[in-house]
Amino acid sequence: QVQLVESGGGLVQPGGSLRLSCAASGRLFSIYTMGWYRQAPGKQRELVAAITSGGSTNYADSVKGRFTISRDNAKNTVYLQMNSLKPEDTAVYYCNAQGIITEYWGQGTQVTVSS
């Protein structure tokens, strides 16, 4: 089965930037739609950004213009570049892969935006 490993989270000041990475196992990465979700304490998990196998992207309105999702199929990796971070972006960020039959989730990485 597919395993997803996120990295790049941490503490950053408002207005700062972080780049999250999600490294995926398996040979079918290039055909998966990949996504980044986030969940803050006491709140529902929400889709942040997604990218299809063809490179089409979709973003939550709250991050549009600030975040960029990309993928490197040669490295089986998807990225989330987060700029102009706000305290409201504080959450655990999860990598998601839409497999052929099922979906897969990473363990999550904490992003904290605070002064």
C-alpha atoms as a PDB file:
ATOM      1  CA  GLN A   1       0.000   0.000   0.000  1.00  0.00           C
ATOM      2  CA  VAL A   2       0.940   3.605  -0.427  1.00  0.00           C
ATOM      3  CA  GLN A   3       2.770   5.378   2.358  1.00  0.00           C
ATOM      4  CA  LEU A   4       2.954   9.141   2.608  1.00  0.00           C
ATOM      5  CA  VAL A   5       5.505  10.972   4.706  1.00  0.00           C
ATOM      6  CA  GLU A   6       5.134  14.693   5.291  1.00  0.00           C
ATOM      7  CA  SER A   7       7.877  17.053   6.319  1.00  0.00           C
ATOM      8  CA  GLY A   8       8.557  20.754   6.499  1.00  0.00           C
ATOM      9  CA  GLY A   9       6.185  21.871   9.195  1.00  0.00           C
ATOM     10  CA  GLY A  10       7.218  24.080  12.040  1.00  0.00           C
ATOM     11  CA  LEU A  11       6.816  27.424  13.725  1.00  0.00           C
ATOM     12  CA  VAL A  12       6.791  30.520  11.561  1.00  0.00           C
ATOM     13  CA  GLN A  13       5.919  34.163  12.113  1.00  0.00           C
ATOM     14  CA  PRO A  14       2.931  35.774  10.425  1.00  0.00           C
ATOM     15  CA  GLY A  15       3.880  36.783   6.922  1.00  0.00           C
ATOM     16  CA  GLY A  16       6.499  34.094   6.719  1.00  0.00           C
ATOM     17  CA  SER A  17       6.772  31.082   4.466  1.00  0.00           C
ATOM     18  CA  LEU A  18       7.079  27.337   4.728  1.00  0.00           C
ATOM     19  CA  ARG A  19       7.325  24.580   2.180  1.00  0.00           C
ATOM     20  CA  LEU A  20       5.755  21.255   3.023  1.00  0.00           C
ATOM     21  CA  SER A  21       6.835  18.087   1.289  1.00  0.00           C
ATOM     22  CA  CYS A  22       5.066  14.775   0.973  1.00  0.00           C
ATOM     23  CA  ALA A  23       7.078  11.805  -0.187  1.00  0.00           C
ATOM     24  CA  ALA A  24       5.048   8.889  -1.490  1.00  0.00           C
ATOM     25  CA  SER A  25       5.917   5.266  -1.940  1.00  0.00           C
ATOM     26  CA  GLY A  26       4.661   3.134  -4.780  1.00  0.00           C
ATOM     27  CA  ARG A  27       4.919   3.064  -8.531  1.00  0.00           C
ATOM     28  CA  LEU A  28       1.590   4.707  -9.348  1.00  0.00           C
ATOM     29  CA  PHE A  29       2.228   8.113  -7.839  1.00  0.00           C
ATOM     30  CA  SER A  30       2.102   9.847 -11.194  1.00  0.00           C
ATOM     31  CA  ILE A  31      -1.556   8.935 -11.760  1.00  0.00           C
ATOM     32  CA  TYR A  32      -2.812   9.933  -8.324  1.00  0.00           C
ATOM     33  CA  THR A  33      -4.561  13.142  -7.547  1.00  0.00           C
ATOM     34  CA  MET A  34      -2.684  14.527  -4.557  1.00  0.00           C
ATOM     35  CA  GLY A  35      -3.976  16.902  -1.958  1.00  0.00           C
ATOM     36  CA  TRP A  36      -3.097  18.802   1.150  1.00  0.00           C
ATOM     37  CA  TYR A  37      -5.640  19.001   3.941  1.00  0.00           C
ATOM     38  CA  ARG A  38      -5.451  20.681   7.288  1.00  0.00           C
ATOM     39  CA  GLN A  39      -7.202  20.379  10.599  1.00  0.00           C
ATOM     40  CA  ALA A  40      -7.104  22.826  13.454  1.00  0.00           C
ATOM     41  CA  PRO A  41      -8.112  21.764  16.967  1.00  0.00           C
ATOM     42  CA  GLY A  42     -11.867  21.607  17.312  1.00  0.00           C
ATOM     43  CA  LYS A  43     -12.431  22.133  13.611  1.00  0.00           C
ATOM     44  CA  GLN A  44     -13.239  19.937  10.652  1.00  0.00           C
ATOM     45  CA  ARG A  45     -10.560  18.782   8.287  1.00  0.00           C
ATOM     46  CA  GLU A  46     -10.564  20.898   5.173  1.00  0.00           C
ATOM     47  CA  LEU A  47      -9.044  20.671   1.746  1.00  0.00           C
ATOM     48  CA  VAL A  48      -6.296  23.208   1.236  1.00  0.00           C
ATOM     49  CA  ALA A  49      -5.065  22.366  -2.238  1.00  0.00           C
ATOM     50  CA  ALA A  50      -5.133  19.535  -4.740  1.00  0.00           C
ATOM     51  CA  ILE A  51      -3.291  18.673  -7.909  1.00  0.00           C
ATOM     52  CA  THR A  52      -4.269  16.109 -10.501  1.00  0.00           C
ATOM     53  CA  SER A  53      -2.009  13.810 -12.451  1.00  0.00           C
ATOM     54  CA  GLY A  54      -2.209  16.291 -15.296  1.00  0.00           C
ATOM     55  CA  GLY A  55      -1.168  19.206 -13.143  1.00  0.00           C
ATOM     56  CA  SER A  56      -4.521  20.906 -12.699  1.00  0.00           C
ATOM     57  CA  THR A  57      -4.772  22.591  -9.318  1.00  0.00           C
ATOM     58  CA  ASN A  58      -7.505  23.629  -6.955  1.00  0.00           C
ATOM     59  CA  TYR A  59      -7.263  25.756  -3.829  1.00  0.00           C
ATOM     60  CA  ALA A  60      -9.406  26.685  -0.915  1.00  0.00           C
ATOM     61  CA  ASP A  61     -10.492  30.287  -1.171  1.00  0.00           C
ATOM     62  CA  SER A  62      -8.740  31.037   2.097  1.00  0.00           C
ATOM     63  CA  VAL A  63      -5.318  30.176   0.680  1.00  0.00           C
ATOM     64  CA  LYS A  64      -5.698  31.118  -2.966  1.00  0.00           C
ATOM     65  CA  GLY A  65      -2.931  33.431  -4.028  1.00  0.00           C
ATOM     66  CA  ARG A  66      -0.791  32.522  -1.041  1.00  0.00           C
ATOM     67  CA  PHE A  67      -0.266  28.765  -1.350  1.00  0.00           C
ATOM     68  CA  THR A  68       0.995  26.782  -4.312  1.00  0.00           C
ATOM     69  CA  ILE A  69       0.761  23.037  -4.726  1.00  0.00           C
ATOM     70  CA  SER A  70       3.131  21.276  -7.077  1.00  0.00           C
ATOM     71  CA  ARG A  71       4.401  17.800  -7.773  1.00  0.00           C
ATOM     72  CA  ASP A  72       7.559  16.157  -8.960  1.00  0.00           C
ATOM     73  CA  ASN A  73       6.610  12.769 -10.313  1.00  0.00           C
ATOM     74  CA  ALA A  74      10.229  11.753 -10.760  1.00  0.00           C
ATOM     75  CA  LYS A  75      10.660  12.119  -7.007  1.00  0.00           C
ATOM     76  CA  ASN A  76       7.211  10.846  -6.012  1.00  0.00           C
ATOM     77  CA  THR A  77       6.790  14.046  -4.075  1.00  0.00           C
ATOM     78  CA  VAL A  78       4.137  16.706  -3.745  1.00  0.00           C
ATOM     79  CA  TYR A  79       4.842  20.116  -2.272  1.00  0.00           C
ATOM     80  CA  LEU A  80       2.872  22.889  -0.691  1.00  0.00           C
ATOM     81  CA  GLN A  81       4.558  26.260  -0.792  1.00  0.00           C
ATOM     82  CA  MET A  82       2.923  28.477   1.808  1.00  0.00           C
ATOM     83  CA  ASN A  83       3.572  32.196   1.675  1.00  0.00           C
ATOM     84  CA  SER A  84       2.157  35.137   3.587  1.00  0.00           C
ATOM     85  CA  LEU A  85       1.196  32.830   6.400  1.00  0.00           C
ATOM     86  CA  LYS A  86      -1.466  33.898   8.842  1.00  0.00           C
ATOM     87  CA  PRO A  87      -2.254  32.671  12.354  1.00  0.00           C
ATOM     88  CA  GLU A  88      -5.438  31.193  10.906  1.00  0.00           C
ATOM     89  CA  ASP A  89      -3.260  28.810   8.893  1.00  0.00           C
ATOM     90  CA  THR A  90      -2.175  27.087  12.087  1.00  0.00           C
ATOM     91  CA  ALA A  91      -3.159  23.434  11.821  1.00  0.00           C
ATOM     92  CA  VAL A  92      -1.910  19.943  11.275  1.00  0.00           C
ATOM     93  CA  TYR A  93      -1.391  19.526   7.561  1.00  0.00           C
ATOM     94  CA  TYR A  94      -2.011  16.136   5.988  1.00  0.00           C
ATOM     95  CA  CYS A  95      -0.965  14.768   2.648  1.00  0.00           C
ATOM     96  CA  ASN A  96      -3.594  12.799   0.754  1.00  0.00           C
ATOM     97  CA  ALA A  97      -3.403  10.542  -2.264  1.00  0.00           C
ATOM     98  CA  GLN A  98      -6.431   9.477  -4.282  1.00  0.00           C
ATOM     99  CA  GLY A  99      -5.592   5.936  -5.259  1.00  0.00           C
ATOM    100  CA  ILE A 100      -7.347   3.728  -7.736  1.00  0.00           C
ATOM    101  CA  ILE A 101      -9.571   2.076  -5.152  1.00  0.00           C
ATOM    102  CA  THR A 102      -8.892   3.855  -1.900  1.00  0.00           C
ATOM    103  CA  GLU A 103      -7.260   6.977  -0.555  1.00  0.00           C
ATOM    104  CA  TYR A 104      -4.175   7.322   1.573  1.00  0.00           C
ATOM    105  CA  TRP A 105      -3.142   9.731   4.293  1.00  0.00           C
ATOM    106  CA  GLY A 106       0.116  10.841   5.760  1.00  0.00           C
ATOM    107  CA  GLN A 107       0.790  11.226   9.455  1.00  0.00           C
ATOM    108  CA  GLY A 108       0.476  14.981   9.396  1.00  0.00           C
ATOM    109  CA  THR A 109       2.878  17.788  10.109  1.00  0.00           C
ATOM    110  CA  GLN A 110       2.227  20.679  12.463  1.00  0.00           C
ATOM    111  CA  VAL A 111       2.273  24.210  11.123  1.00  0.00           C
ATOM    112  CA  THR A 112       2.101  26.960  13.702  1.00  0.00           C
ATOM    113  CA  VAL A 113       1.935  30.600  12.673  1.00  0.00           C
ATOM    114  CA  SER A 114       2.553  32.837  15.646  1.00  0.00           C
ATOM    115  CA  SER A 115       4.540  35.816  16.794  1.00  0.00           C
END
